[in-house]
Amino acid sequence: MTIDRFMWKTMGTPKGTDTSNINEVSFGDGYTQLSSNGINNASESWELTYTGRDEEIKEVRTFLNSHIIKSFKWINPYGEEKLYRVVNKSIESEFVAGKIVSLSFKFIQSYAP
């Protein structure tokens, strides 16, 4: 498996979360005023799991660790190509059986200047 194939592959059973960054002010009469906070106020994150042989997982793990700060392009399960980075401290390895490893991690959407 090459890094290029890994970048575009949907792993395991992805779990996505959409988040909006908004300002919210509640008034005493029950009225709530909402406004967006910044130009990139909506983002998404994905919890993913990749299972494979230890040699393949080493390559994937190296890629993940090198993209905690640096963004990369990935096509999410909806088929949308966006920039993401790996969430710090989200990479977890579980040795399932023999040389089979299950690697869990989280992508968060990032934005280019």
PDB file of N, CA and C in Angstrom:
ATOM      1  N   MET A   1       0.844  -1.176   0.000  1.00  0.00           N
ATOM      2  CA  MET A   1       0.000   0.000   0.000  1.00  0.00           C
ATOM      3  C   MET A   1       0.889   1.240   0.000  1.00  0.00           C
ATOM      4  N   THR A   2       0.567   2.183  -0.846  1.00  0.00           N
ATOM      5  CA  THR A   2       1.331   3.423  -0.866  1.00  0.00           C
ATOM      6  C   THR A   2       0.593   4.489  -0.082  1.00  0.00           C
ATOM      7  N   ILE A   3       1.308   5.529   0.290  1.00  0.00           N
ATOM      8  CA  ILE A   3       0.693   6.631   1.025  1.00  0.00           C
ATOM      9  C   ILE A   3      -0.422   7.253   0.203  1.00  0.00           C
ATOM     10  N   ASP A   4      -0.250   7.381  -1.114  1.00  0.00           N
ATOM     11  CA  ASP A   4      -1.287   7.965  -1.965  1.00  0.00           C
ATOM     12  C   ASP A   4      -2.591   7.180  -1.864  1.00  0.00           C
ATOM     13  N   ARG A   5      -2.523   5.868  -1.895  1.00  0.00           N
ATOM     14  CA  ARG A   5      -3.738   5.054  -1.778  1.00  0.00           C
ATOM     15  C   ARG A   5      -4.360   5.217  -0.407  1.00  0.00           C
ATOM     16  N   PHE A   6      -3.525   5.321   0.628  1.00  0.00           N
ATOM     17  CA  PHE A   6      -4.034   5.493   1.983  1.00  0.00           C
ATOM     18  C   PHE A   6      -4.801   6.809   2.107  1.00  0.00           C
ATOM     19  N   MET A   7      -4.277   7.875   1.529  1.00  0.00           N
ATOM     20  CA  MET A   7      -4.879   9.190   1.682  1.00  0.00           C
ATOM     21  C   MET A   7      -6.301   9.226   1.146  1.00  0.00           C
ATOM     22  N   TRP A   8      -6.623   8.442   0.154  1.00  0.00           N
ATOM     23  CA  TRP A   8      -7.933   8.524  -0.488  1.00  0.00           C
ATOM     24  C   TRP A   8      -8.877   7.428  -0.033  1.00  0.00           C
ATOM     25  N   LYS A   9      -8.405   6.526   0.760  1.00  0.00           N
ATOM     26  CA  LYS A   9      -9.208   5.378   1.149  1.00  0.00           C
ATOM     27  C   LYS A   9     -10.056   5.683   2.383  1.00  0.00           C
ATOM     28  N   THR A  10     -11.304   5.248   2.372  1.00  0.00           N
ATOM     29  CA  THR A  10     -12.156   5.354   3.547  1.00  0.00           C
ATOM     30  C   THR A  10     -11.859   4.161   4.433  1.00  0.00           C
ATOM     31  N   MET A  11     -11.558   4.409   5.683  1.00  0.00           N
ATOM     32  CA  MET A  11     -11.149   3.355   6.592  1.00  0.00           C
ATOM     33  C   MET A  11     -12.307   2.827   7.427  1.00  0.00           C
ATOM     34  N   GLY A  12     -12.368   1.523   7.610  1.00  0.00           N
ATOM     35  CA  GLY A  12     -13.316   0.894   8.528  1.00  0.00           C
ATOM     36  C   GLY A  12     -14.733   1.422   8.406  1.00  0.00           C
ATOM     37  N   THR A  13     -15.338   1.712   9.531  1.00  0.00           N
ATOM     38  CA  THR A  13     -16.679   2.286   9.589  1.00  0.00           C
ATOM     39  C   THR A  13     -16.530   3.712  10.103  1.00  0.00           C
ATOM     40  N   PRO A  14     -16.419   4.691   9.199  1.00  0.00           N
ATOM     41  CA  PRO A  14     -16.172   6.070   9.628  1.00  0.00           C
ATOM     42  C   PRO A  14     -17.336   6.651  10.427  1.00  0.00           C
ATOM     43  N   LYS A  15     -17.003   7.465  11.413  1.00  0.00           N
ATOM     44  CA  LYS A  15     -18.007   8.172  12.202  1.00  0.00           C
ATOM     45  C   LYS A  15     -17.687   9.658  12.100  1.00  0.00           C
ATOM     46  N   GLY A  16     -18.595  10.430  11.491  1.00  0.00           N
ATOM     47  CA  GLY A  16     -18.356  11.852  11.267  1.00  0.00           C
ATOM     48  C   GLY A  16     -19.128  12.740  12.220  1.00  0.00           C
ATOM     49  N   THR A  17     -18.544  13.898  12.520  1.00  0.00           N
ATOM     50  CA  THR A  17     -19.183  14.900  13.365  1.00  0.00           C
ATOM     51  C   THR A  17     -19.058  16.256  12.687  1.00  0.00           C
ATOM     52  N   ASP A  18     -20.184  16.957  12.510  1.00  0.00           N
ATOM     53  CA  ASP A  18     -20.190  18.317  11.978  1.00  0.00           C
ATOM     54  C   ASP A  18     -20.288  19.286  13.147  1.00  0.00           C
ATOM     55  N   THR A  19     -19.470  20.334  13.102  1.00  0.00           N
ATOM     56  CA  THR A  19     -19.431  21.310  14.182  1.00  0.00           C
ATOM     57  C   THR A  19     -19.517  22.712  13.596  1.00  0.00           C
ATOM     58  N   SER A  20     -20.295  23.574  14.243  1.00  0.00           N
ATOM     59  CA  SER A  20     -20.374  24.983  13.864  1.00  0.00           C
ATOM     60  C   SER A  20     -19.868  25.829  15.014  1.00  0.00           C
ATOM     61  N   ASN A  21     -19.047  26.818  14.686  1.00  0.00           N
ATOM     62  CA  ASN A  21     -18.525  27.741  15.688  1.00  0.00           C
ATOM     63  C   ASN A  21     -19.402  28.991  15.644  1.00  0.00           C
ATOM     64  N   ILE A  22     -20.263  29.141  16.637  1.00  0.00           N
ATOM     65  CA  ILE A  22     -21.216  30.249  16.641  1.00  0.00           C
ATOM     66  C   ILE A  22     -21.165  31.005  17.966  1.00  0.00           C
ATOM     67  N   ASN A  23     -21.583  32.251  17.902  1.00  0.00           N
ATOM     68  CA  ASN A  23     -21.790  33.057  19.109  1.00  0.00           C
ATOM     69  C   ASN A  23     -23.258  32.963  19.454  1.00  0.00           C
ATOM     70  N   GLU A  24     -23.563  32.771  20.724  1.00  0.00           N
ATOM     71  CA  GLU A  24     -24.951  32.635  21.168  1.00  0.00           C
ATOM     72  C   GLU A  24     -25.169  33.505  22.403  1.00  0.00           C
ATOM     73  N   VAL A  25     -26.183  34.359  22.324  1.00  0.00           N
ATOM     74  CA  VAL A  25     -26.542  35.218  23.449  1.00  0.00           C
ATOM     75  C   VAL A  25     -28.012  34.996  23.755  1.00  0.00           C
ATOM     76  N   SER A  26     -28.311  34.637  25.006  1.00  0.00           N
ATOM     77  CA  SER A  26     -29.701  34.424  25.431  1.00  0.00           C
ATOM     78  C   SER A  26     -30.159  35.608  26.269  1.00  0.00           C
ATOM     79  N   PHE A  27     -31.370  36.071  25.995  1.00  0.00           N
ATOM     80  CA  PHE A  27     -31.952  37.192  26.711  1.00  0.00           C
ATOM     81  C   PHE A  27     -33.026  36.694  27.671  1.00  0.00           C
ATOM     82  N   GLY A  28     -33.371  37.499  28.657  1.00  0.00           N
ATOM     83  CA  GLY A  28     -34.313  37.120  29.700  1.00  0.00           C
ATOM     84  C   GLY A  28     -35.706  36.791  29.201  1.00  0.00           C
ATOM     85  N   ASP A  29     -36.080  37.320  28.019  1.00  0.00           N
ATOM     86  CA  ASP A  29     -37.436  37.073  27.509  1.00  0.00           C
ATOM     87  C   ASP A  29     -37.533  35.787  26.691  1.00  0.00           C
ATOM     88  N   GLY A  30     -36.460  34.974  26.685  1.00  0.00           N
ATOM     89  CA  GLY A  30     -36.482  33.715  25.950  1.00  0.00           C
ATOM     90  C   GLY A  30     -35.889  33.808  24.550  1.00  0.00           C
ATOM     91  N   TYR A  31     -35.605  35.025  24.077  1.00  0.00           N
ATOM     92  CA  TYR A  31     -35.027  35.216  22.749  1.00  0.00           C
ATOM     93  C   TYR A  31     -33.543  34.865  22.778  1.00  0.00           C
ATOM     94  N   THR A  32     -33.069  34.160  21.772  1.00  0.00           N
ATOM     95  CA  THR A  32     -31.660  33.825  21.630  1.00  0.00           C
ATOM     96  C   THR A  32     -31.163  34.365  20.301  1.00  0.00           C
ATOM     97  N   GLN A  33     -30.056  35.090  20.338  1.00  0.00           N
ATOM     98  CA  GLN A  33     -29.464  35.640  19.122  1.00  0.00           C
ATOM     99  C   GLN A  33     -28.236  34.812  18.775  1.00  0.00           C
ATOM    100  N   LEU A  34     -28.157  34.357  17.514  1.00  0.00           N
ATOM    101  CA  LEU A  34     -27.046  33.545  17.036  1.00  0.00           C
ATOM    102  C   LEU A  34     -26.335  34.253  15.898  1.00  0.00           C
ATOM    103  N   SER A  35     -25.003  34.108  15.850  1.00  0.00           N
ATOM    104  CA  SER A  35     -24.232  34.624  14.722  1.00  0.00           C
ATOM    105  C   SER A  35     -23.019  33.722  14.504  1.00  0.00           C
ATOM    106  N   SER A  36     -22.568  33.660  13.255  1.00  0.00           N
ATOM    107  CA  SER A  36     -21.403  32.829  12.958  1.00  0.00           C
ATOM    108  C   SER A  36     -20.149  33.503  13.483  1.00  0.00           C
ATOM    109  N   ASN A  37     -19.166  32.696  13.829  1.00  0.00           N
ATOM    110  CA  ASN A  37     -17.914  33.191  14.373  1.00  0.00           C
ATOM    111  C   ASN A  37     -16.805  32.918  13.365  1.00  0.00           C
ATOM    112  N   GLY A  38     -16.487  33.885  12.529  1.00  0.00           N
ATOM    113  CA  GLY A  38     -15.418  33.735  11.539  1.00  0.00           C
ATOM    114  C   GLY A  38     -15.925  33.226  10.203  1.00  0.00           C
ATOM    115  N   ILE A  39     -15.027  33.229   9.210  1.00  0.00           N
ATOM    116  CA  ILE A  39     -15.430  32.820   7.863  1.00  0.00           C
ATOM    117  C   ILE A  39     -15.459  31.305   7.683  1.00  0.00           C
ATOM    118  N   ASN A  40     -14.653  30.579   8.433  1.00  0.00           N
ATOM    119  CA  ASN A  40     -14.641  29.112   8.377  1.00  0.00           C
ATOM    120  C   ASN A  40     -15.245  28.574   9.667  1.00  0.00           C
ATOM    121  N   ASN A  41     -16.518  28.862   9.878  1.00  0.00           N
ATOM    122  CA  ASN A  41     -17.131  28.509  11.150  1.00  0.00           C
ATOM    123  C   ASN A  41     -17.707  27.097  11.195  1.00  0.00           C
ATOM    124  N   ALA A  42     -17.786  26.419  10.072  1.00  0.00           N
ATOM    125  CA  ALA A  42     -18.277  25.035  10.043  1.00  0.00           C
ATOM    126  C   ALA A  42     -17.105  24.106   9.719  1.00  0.00           C
ATOM    127  N   SER A  43     -16.992  23.022  10.480  1.00  0.00           N
ATOM    128  CA  SER A  43     -15.940  22.045  10.211  1.00  0.00           C
ATOM    129  C   SER A  43     -16.459  20.652  10.535  1.00  0.00           C
ATOM    130  N   GLU A  44     -15.705  19.675  10.113  1.00  0.00           N
ATOM    131  CA  GLU A  44     -16.090  18.284  10.372  1.00  0.00           C
ATOM    132  C   GLU A  44     -14.889  17.506  10.866  1.00  0.00           C
ATOM    133  N   SER A  45     -15.176  16.432  11.575  1.00  0.00           N
ATOM    134  CA  SER A  45     -14.123  15.526  12.023  1.00  0.00           C
ATOM    135  C   SER A  45     -14.595  14.096  11.757  1.00  0.00           C
ATOM    136  N   TRP A  46     -13.635  13.194  11.636  1.00  0.00           N
ATOM    137  CA  TRP A  46     -13.933  11.789  11.334  1.00  0.00           C
ATOM    138  C   TRP A  46     -13.125  10.887  12.238  1.00  0.00           C
ATOM    139  N   GLU A  47     -13.812   9.954  12.910  1.00  0.00           N
ATOM    140  CA  GLU A  47     -13.151   8.900  13.676  1.00  0.00           C
ATOM    141  C   GLU A  47     -13.035   7.694  12.752  1.00  0.00           C
ATOM    142  N   LEU A  48     -11.808   7.199  12.583  1.00  0.00           N
ATOM    143  CA  LEU A  48     -11.549   6.137  11.617  1.00  0.00           C
ATOM    144  C   LEU A  48     -10.747   5.013  12.256  1.00  0.00           C
ATOM    145  N   THR A  49     -10.882   3.826  11.678  1.00  0.00           N
ATOM    146  CA  THR A  49     -10.099   2.672  12.095  1.00  0.00           C
ATOM    147  C   THR A  49      -9.587   1.981  10.852  1.00  0.00           C
ATOM    148  N   TYR A  50      -8.320   1.628  10.873  1.00  0.00           N
ATOM    149  CA  TYR A  50      -7.708   0.913   9.757  1.00  0.00           C
ATOM    150  C   TYR A  50      -7.071  -0.346  10.322  1.00  0.00           C
ATOM    151  N   THR A  51      -7.412  -1.494   9.770  1.00  0.00           N
ATOM    152  CA  THR A  51      -6.884  -2.767  10.247  1.00  0.00           C
ATOM    153  C   THR A  51      -6.101  -3.438   9.127  1.00  0.00           C
ATOM    154  N   GLY A  52      -4.939  -3.952   9.460  1.00  0.00           N
ATOM    155  CA  GLY A  52      -4.116  -4.627   8.463  1.00  0.00           C
ATOM    156  C   GLY A  52      -2.910  -5.285   9.106  1.00  0.00           C
ATOM    157  N   ARG A  53      -2.028  -5.793   8.267  1.00  0.00           N
ATOM    158  CA  ARG A  53      -0.804  -6.433   8.751  1.00  0.00           C
ATOM    159  C   ARG A  53       0.137  -5.377   9.311  1.00  0.00           C
ATOM    160  N   ASP A  54       0.961  -5.761  10.271  1.00  0.00           N
ATOM    161  CA  ASP A  54       1.819  -4.809  10.970  1.00  0.00           C
ATOM    162  C   ASP A  54       2.717  -3.991  10.048  1.00  0.00           C
ATOM    163  N   GLU A  55       3.248  -4.577   8.982  1.00  0.00           N
ATOM    164  CA  GLU A  55       4.119  -3.835   8.055  1.00  0.00           C
ATOM    165  C   GLU A  55       3.352  -2.708   7.363  1.00  0.00           C
ATOM    166  N   GLU A  56       2.116  -2.983   6.953  1.00  0.00           N
ATOM    167  CA  GLU A  56       1.272  -1.980   6.312  1.00  0.00           C
ATOM    168  C   GLU A  56       0.885  -0.896   7.324  1.00  0.00           C
ATOM    169  N   ILE A  57       0.559  -1.302   8.535  1.00  0.00           N
ATOM    170  CA  ILE A  57       0.149  -0.370   9.578  1.00  0.00           C
ATOM    171  C   ILE A  57       1.297   0.559   9.952  1.00  0.00           C
ATOM    172  N   LYS A  58       2.529   0.073   9.943  1.00  0.00           N
ATOM    173  CA  LYS A  58       3.681   0.938  10.227  1.00  0.00           C
ATOM    174  C   LYS A  58       3.731   2.110   9.251  1.00  0.00           C
ATOM    175  N   GLU A  59       3.480   1.831   7.975  1.00  0.00           N
ATOM    176  CA  GLU A  59       3.489   2.868   6.944  1.00  0.00           C
ATOM    177  C   GLU A  59       2.362   3.879   7.186  1.00  0.00           C
ATOM    178  N   VAL A  60       1.180   3.377   7.505  1.00  0.00           N
ATOM    179  CA  VAL A  60       0.030   4.248   7.777  1.00  0.00           C
ATOM    180  C   VAL A  60       0.310   5.093   9.018  1.00  0.00           C
ATOM    181  N   ARG A  61       0.848   4.476  10.065  1.00  0.00           N
ATOM    182  CA  ARG A  61       1.156   5.179  11.318  1.00  0.00           C
ATOM    183  C   ARG A  61       2.185   6.285  11.092  1.00  0.00           C
ATOM    184  N   THR A  62       3.180   6.015  10.277  1.00  0.00           N
ATOM    185  CA  THR A  62       4.185   7.036   9.940  1.00  0.00           C
ATOM    186  C   THR A  62       3.529   8.216   9.239  1.00  0.00           C
ATOM    187  N   PHE A  63       2.640   7.924   8.286  1.00  0.00           N
ATOM    188  CA  PHE A  63       1.911   8.989   7.586  1.00  0.00           C
ATOM    189  C   PHE A  63       1.098   9.813   8.582  1.00  0.00           C
ATOM    190  N   LEU A  64       0.346   9.144   9.445  1.00  0.00           N
ATOM    191  CA  LEU A  64      -0.502   9.847  10.408  1.00  0.00           C
ATOM    192  C   LEU A  64       0.318  10.758  11.315  1.00  0.00           C
ATOM    193  N   ASN A  65       1.410  10.241  11.845  1.00  0.00           N
ATOM    194  CA  ASN A  65       2.249  11.044  12.741  1.00  0.00           C
ATOM    195  C   ASN A  65       2.875  12.245  12.034  1.00  0.00           C
ATOM    196  N   SER A  66       3.085  12.150  10.728  1.00  0.00           N
ATOM    197  CA  SER A  66       3.675  13.272   9.991  1.00  0.00           C
ATOM    198  C   SER A  66       2.625  14.297   9.554  1.00  0.00           C
ATOM    199  N   HIS A  67       1.340  14.026   9.832  1.00  0.00           N
ATOM    200  CA  HIS A  67       0.270  14.948   9.411  1.00  0.00           C
ATOM    201  C   HIS A  67      -0.579  15.438  10.589  1.00  0.00           C
ATOM    202  N   ILE A  68       0.047  15.574  11.743  1.00  0.00           N
ATOM    203  CA  ILE A  68      -0.646  16.150  12.896  1.00  0.00           C
ATOM    204  C   ILE A  68      -0.680  17.673  12.746  1.00  0.00           C
ATOM    205  N   ILE A  69       0.371  18.237  12.197  1.00  0.00           N
ATOM    206  CA  ILE A  69       0.428  19.682  11.957  1.00  0.00           C
ATOM    207  C   ILE A  69       0.182  19.988  10.481  1.00  0.00           C
ATOM    208  N   LYS A  70       0.710  19.153   9.605  1.00  0.00           N
ATOM    209  CA  LYS A  70       0.626  19.379   8.158  1.00  0.00           C
ATOM    210  C   LYS A  70      -0.671  18.788   7.588  1.00  0.00           C
ATOM    211  N   SER A  71      -1.417  19.593   6.825  1.00  0.00           N
ATOM    212  CA  SER A  71      -2.678  19.143   6.227  1.00  0.00           C
ATOM    213  C   SER A  71      -2.440  18.265   5.003  1.00  0.00           C
ATOM    214  N   PHE A  72      -3.454  17.490   4.645  1.00  0.00           N
ATOM    215  CA  PHE A  72      -3.426  16.655   3.450  1.00  0.00           C
ATOM    216  C   PHE A  72      -4.840  16.581   2.883  1.00  0.00           C
ATOM    217  N   LYS A  73      -4.947  16.220   1.613  1.00  0.00           N
ATOM    218  CA  LYS A  73      -6.262  16.075   0.981  1.00  0.00           C
ATOM    219  C   LYS A  73      -6.774  14.662   1.215  1.00  0.00           C
ATOM    220  N   TRP A  74      -8.069  14.578   1.519  1.00  0.00           N
ATOM    221  CA  TRP A  74      -8.720  13.282   1.725  1.00  0.00           C
ATOM    222  C   TRP A  74     -10.155  13.393   1.237  1.00  0.00           C
ATOM    223  N   ILE A  75     -10.657  12.355   0.624  1.00  0.00           N
ATOM    224  CA  ILE A  75     -12.054  12.317   0.184  1.00  0.00           C
ATOM    225  C   ILE A  75     -12.852  11.642   1.287  1.00  0.00           C
ATOM    226  N   ASN A  76     -13.757  12.400   1.897  1.00  0.00           N
ATOM    227  CA  ASN A  76     -14.548  11.857   2.997  1.00  0.00           C
ATOM    228  C   ASN A  76     -15.607  10.880   2.468  1.00  0.00           C
ATOM    229  N   PRO A  77     -16.297  10.170   3.332  1.00  0.00           N
ATOM    230  CA  PRO A  77     -17.288   9.183   2.875  1.00  0.00           C
ATOM    231  C   PRO A  77     -18.434   9.772   2.039  1.00  0.00           C
ATOM    232  N   TYR A  78     -18.643  11.094   2.117  1.00  0.00           N
ATOM    233  CA  TYR A  78     -19.651  11.737   1.262  1.00  0.00           C
ATOM    234  C   TYR A  78     -19.115  12.007  -0.136  1.00  0.00           C
ATOM    235  N   GLY A  79     -17.839  11.715  -0.381  1.00  0.00           N
ATOM    236  CA  GLY A  79     -17.233  11.937  -1.689  1.00  0.00           C
ATOM    237  C   GLY A  79     -16.687  13.347  -1.872  1.00  0.00           C
ATOM    238  N   GLU A  80     -16.546  14.099  -0.773  1.00  0.00           N
ATOM    239  CA  GLU A  80     -16.063  15.475  -0.842  1.00  0.00           C
ATOM    240  C   GLU A  80     -14.565  15.515  -0.536  1.00  0.00           C
ATOM    241  N   GLU A  81     -13.790  16.105  -1.440  1.00  0.00           N
ATOM    242  CA  GLU A  81     -12.361  16.249  -1.203  1.00  0.00           C
ATOM    243  C   GLU A  81     -12.118  17.532  -0.421  1.00  0.00           C
ATOM    244  N   LYS A  82     -11.504  17.403   0.748  1.00  0.00           N
ATOM    245  CA  LYS A  82     -11.219  18.555   1.611  1.00  0.00           C
ATOM    246  C   LYS A  82      -9.853  18.372   2.259  1.00  0.00           C
ATOM    247  N   LEU A  83      -9.385  19.438   2.896  1.00  0.00           N
ATOM    248  CA  LEU A  83      -8.139  19.369   3.657  1.00  0.00           C
ATOM    249  C   LEU A  83      -8.426  18.895   5.074  1.00  0.00           C
ATOM    250  N   TYR A  84      -7.578  18.008   5.569  1.00  0.00           N
ATOM    251  CA  TYR A  84      -7.695  17.488   6.929  1.00  0.00           C
ATOM    252  C   TYR A  84      -6.307  17.416   7.540  1.00  0.00           C
ATOM    253  N   ARG A  85      -6.281  17.246   8.850  1.00  0.00           N
ATOM    254  CA  ARG A  85      -5.061  16.914   9.565  1.00  0.00           C
ATOM    255  C   ARG A  85      -5.433  15.897  10.630  1.00  0.00           C
ATOM    256  N   VAL A  86      -4.452  15.218  11.172  1.00  0.00           N
ATOM    257  CA  VAL A  86      -4.675  14.204  12.204  1.00  0.00           C
ATOM    258  C   VAL A  86      -4.733  14.912  13.561  1.00  0.00           C
ATOM    259  N   VAL A  87      -5.728  14.575  14.365  1.00  0.00           N
ATOM    260  CA  VAL A  87      -5.868  15.167  15.694  1.00  0.00           C
ATOM    261  C   VAL A  87      -4.758  14.630  16.595  1.00  0.00           C
ATOM    262  N   ASN A  88      -4.072  15.551  17.265  1.00  0.00           N
ATOM    263  CA  ASN A  88      -3.001  15.175  18.184  1.00  0.00           C
ATOM    264  C   ASN A  88      -3.522  14.216  19.258  1.00  0.00           C
ATOM    265  N   LYS A  89      -2.747  13.230  19.591  1.00  0.00           N
ATOM    266  CA  LYS A  89      -3.047  12.221  20.614  1.00  0.00           C
ATOM    267  C   LYS A  89      -4.265  11.361  20.281  1.00  0.00           C
ATOM    268  N   SER A  90      -4.609  11.244  18.985  1.00  0.00           N
ATOM    269  CA  SER A  90      -5.761  10.415  18.613  1.00  0.00           C
ATOM    270  C   SER A  90      -5.356   9.064  18.025  1.00  0.00           C
ATOM    271  N   ILE A  91      -4.084   8.831  17.797  1.00  0.00           N
ATOM    272  CA  ILE A  91      -3.624   7.597  17.154  1.00  0.00           C
ATOM    273  C   ILE A  91      -3.457   6.507  18.216  1.00  0.00           C
ATOM    274  N   GLU A  92      -4.212   5.421  18.052  1.00  0.00           N
ATOM    275  CA  GLU A  92      -4.152   4.304  18.992  1.00  0.00           C
ATOM    276  C   GLU A  92      -3.988   2.995  18.246  1.00  0.00           C
ATOM    277  N   SER A  93      -3.083   2.147  18.724  1.00  0.00           N
ATOM    278  CA  SER A  93      -2.841   0.834  18.114  1.00  0.00           C
ATOM    279  C   SER A  93      -3.365  -0.266  19.014  1.00  0.00           C
ATOM    280  N   GLU A  94      -3.990  -1.262  18.381  1.00  0.00           N
ATOM    281  CA  GLU A  94      -4.433  -2.450  19.106  1.00  0.00           C
ATOM    282  C   GLU A  94      -3.980  -3.665  18.314  1.00  0.00           C
ATOM    283  N   PHE A  95      -3.160  -4.500  18.946  1.00  0.00           N
ATOM    284  CA  PHE A  95      -2.676  -5.706  18.288  1.00  0.00           C
ATOM    285  C   PHE A  95      -3.727  -6.794  18.475  1.00  0.00           C
ATOM    286  N   VAL A  96      -4.447  -7.076  17.391  1.00  0.00           N
ATOM    287  CA  VAL A  96      -5.615  -7.955  17.431  1.00  0.00           C
ATOM    288  C   VAL A  96      -5.205  -9.419  17.545  1.00  0.00           C
ATOM    289  N   ALA A  97      -4.373  -9.866  16.633  1.00  0.00           N
ATOM    290  CA  ALA A  97      -3.929 -11.266  16.632  1.00  0.00           C
ATOM    291  C   ALA A  97      -2.657 -11.371  15.797  1.00  0.00           C
ATOM    292  N   GLY A  98      -1.616 -11.919  16.386  1.00  0.00           N
ATOM    293  CA  GLY A  98      -0.371 -12.094  15.650  1.00  0.00           C
ATOM    294  C   GLY A  98       0.136 -10.789  15.069  1.00  0.00           C
ATOM    295  N   LYS A  99       0.194 -10.728  13.751  1.00  0.00           N
ATOM    296  CA  LYS A  99       0.704  -9.541  13.065  1.00  0.00           C
ATOM    297  C   LYS A  99      -0.413  -8.634  12.550  1.00  0.00           C
ATOM    298  N   ILE A 100      -1.624  -8.817  13.025  1.00  0.00           N
ATOM    299  CA  ILE A 100      -2.766  -7.981  12.625  1.00  0.00           C
ATOM    300  C   ILE A 100      -2.943  -6.870  13.656  1.00  0.00           C
ATOM    301  N   VAL A 101      -2.972  -5.622  13.151  1.00  0.00           N
ATOM    302  CA  VAL A 101      -3.071  -4.451  14.017  1.00  0.00           C
ATOM    303  C   VAL A 101      -4.269  -3.616  13.593  1.00  0.00           C
ATOM    304  N   SER A 102      -5.007  -3.116  14.574  1.00  0.00           N
ATOM    305  CA  SER A 102      -6.112  -2.195  14.344  1.00  0.00           C
ATOM    306  C   SER A 102      -5.654  -0.813  14.809  1.00  0.00           C
ATOM    307  N   LEU A 103      -5.631   0.131  13.893  1.00  0.00           N
ATOM    308  CA  LEU A 103      -5.149   1.483  14.170  1.00  0.00           C
ATOM    309  C   LEU A 103      -6.334   2.439  14.139  1.00  0.00           C
ATOM    310  N   SER A 104      -6.598   3.123  15.250  1.00  0.00           N
ATOM    311  CA  SER A 104      -7.697   4.091  15.332  1.00  0.00           C
ATOM    312  C   SER A 104      -7.109   5.491  15.389  1.00  0.00           C
ATOM    313  N   PHE A 105      -7.799   6.454  14.752  1.00  0.00           N
ATOM    314  CA  PHE A 105      -7.306   7.826  14.701  1.00  0.00           C
ATOM    315  C   PHE A 105      -8.447   8.749  14.319  1.00  0.00           C
ATOM    316  N   LYS A 106      -8.181  10.051  14.380  1.00  0.00           N
ATOM    317  CA  LYS A 106      -9.220  11.030  14.077  1.00  0.00           C
ATOM    318  C   LYS A 106      -8.675  12.098  13.132  1.00  0.00           C
ATOM    319  N   PHE A 107      -9.443  12.403  12.083  1.00  0.00           N
ATOM    320  CA  PHE A 107      -9.139  13.503  11.175  1.00  0.00           C
ATOM    321  C   PHE A 107     -10.023  14.682  11.545  1.00  0.00           C
ATOM    322  N   ILE A 108      -9.479  15.888  11.445  1.00  0.00           N
ATOM    323  CA  ILE A 108     -10.268  17.104  11.613  1.00  0.00           C
ATOM    324  C   ILE A 108     -10.036  17.994  10.389  1.00  0.00           C
ATOM    325  N   GLN A 109     -11.071  18.632   9.934  1.00  0.00           N
ATOM    326  CA  GLN A 109     -10.962  19.482   8.755  1.00  0.00           C
ATOM    327  C   GLN A 109     -10.055  20.660   9.073  1.00  0.00           C
ATOM    328  N   SER A 110      -9.230  21.042   8.103  1.00  0.00           N
ATOM    329  CA  SER A 110      -8.370  22.208   8.267  1.00  0.00           C
ATOM    330  C   SER A 110      -8.562  23.125   7.072  1.00  0.00           C
ATOM    331  N   TYR A 111      -8.038  24.323   7.183  1.00  0.00           N
ATOM    332  CA  TYR A 111      -8.241  25.330   6.135  1.00  0.00           C
ATOM    333  C   TYR A 111      -6.908  25.914   5.743  1.00  0.00           C
ATOM    334  N   ALA A 112      -6.737  26.149   4.446  1.00  0.00           N
ATOM    335  CA  ALA A 112      -5.523  26.779   3.933  1.00  0.00           C
ATOM    336  C   ALA A 112      -5.709  28.292   3.960  1.00  0.00           C
ATOM    337  N   PRO A 113      -4.629  29.031   4.192  1.00  0.00           N
ATOM    338  CA  PRO A 113      -4.754  30.491   4.214  1.00  0.00           C
ATOM    339  C   PRO A 113      -5.109  31.062   2.857  1.00  0.00           C
TER     340      PRO A 113
END
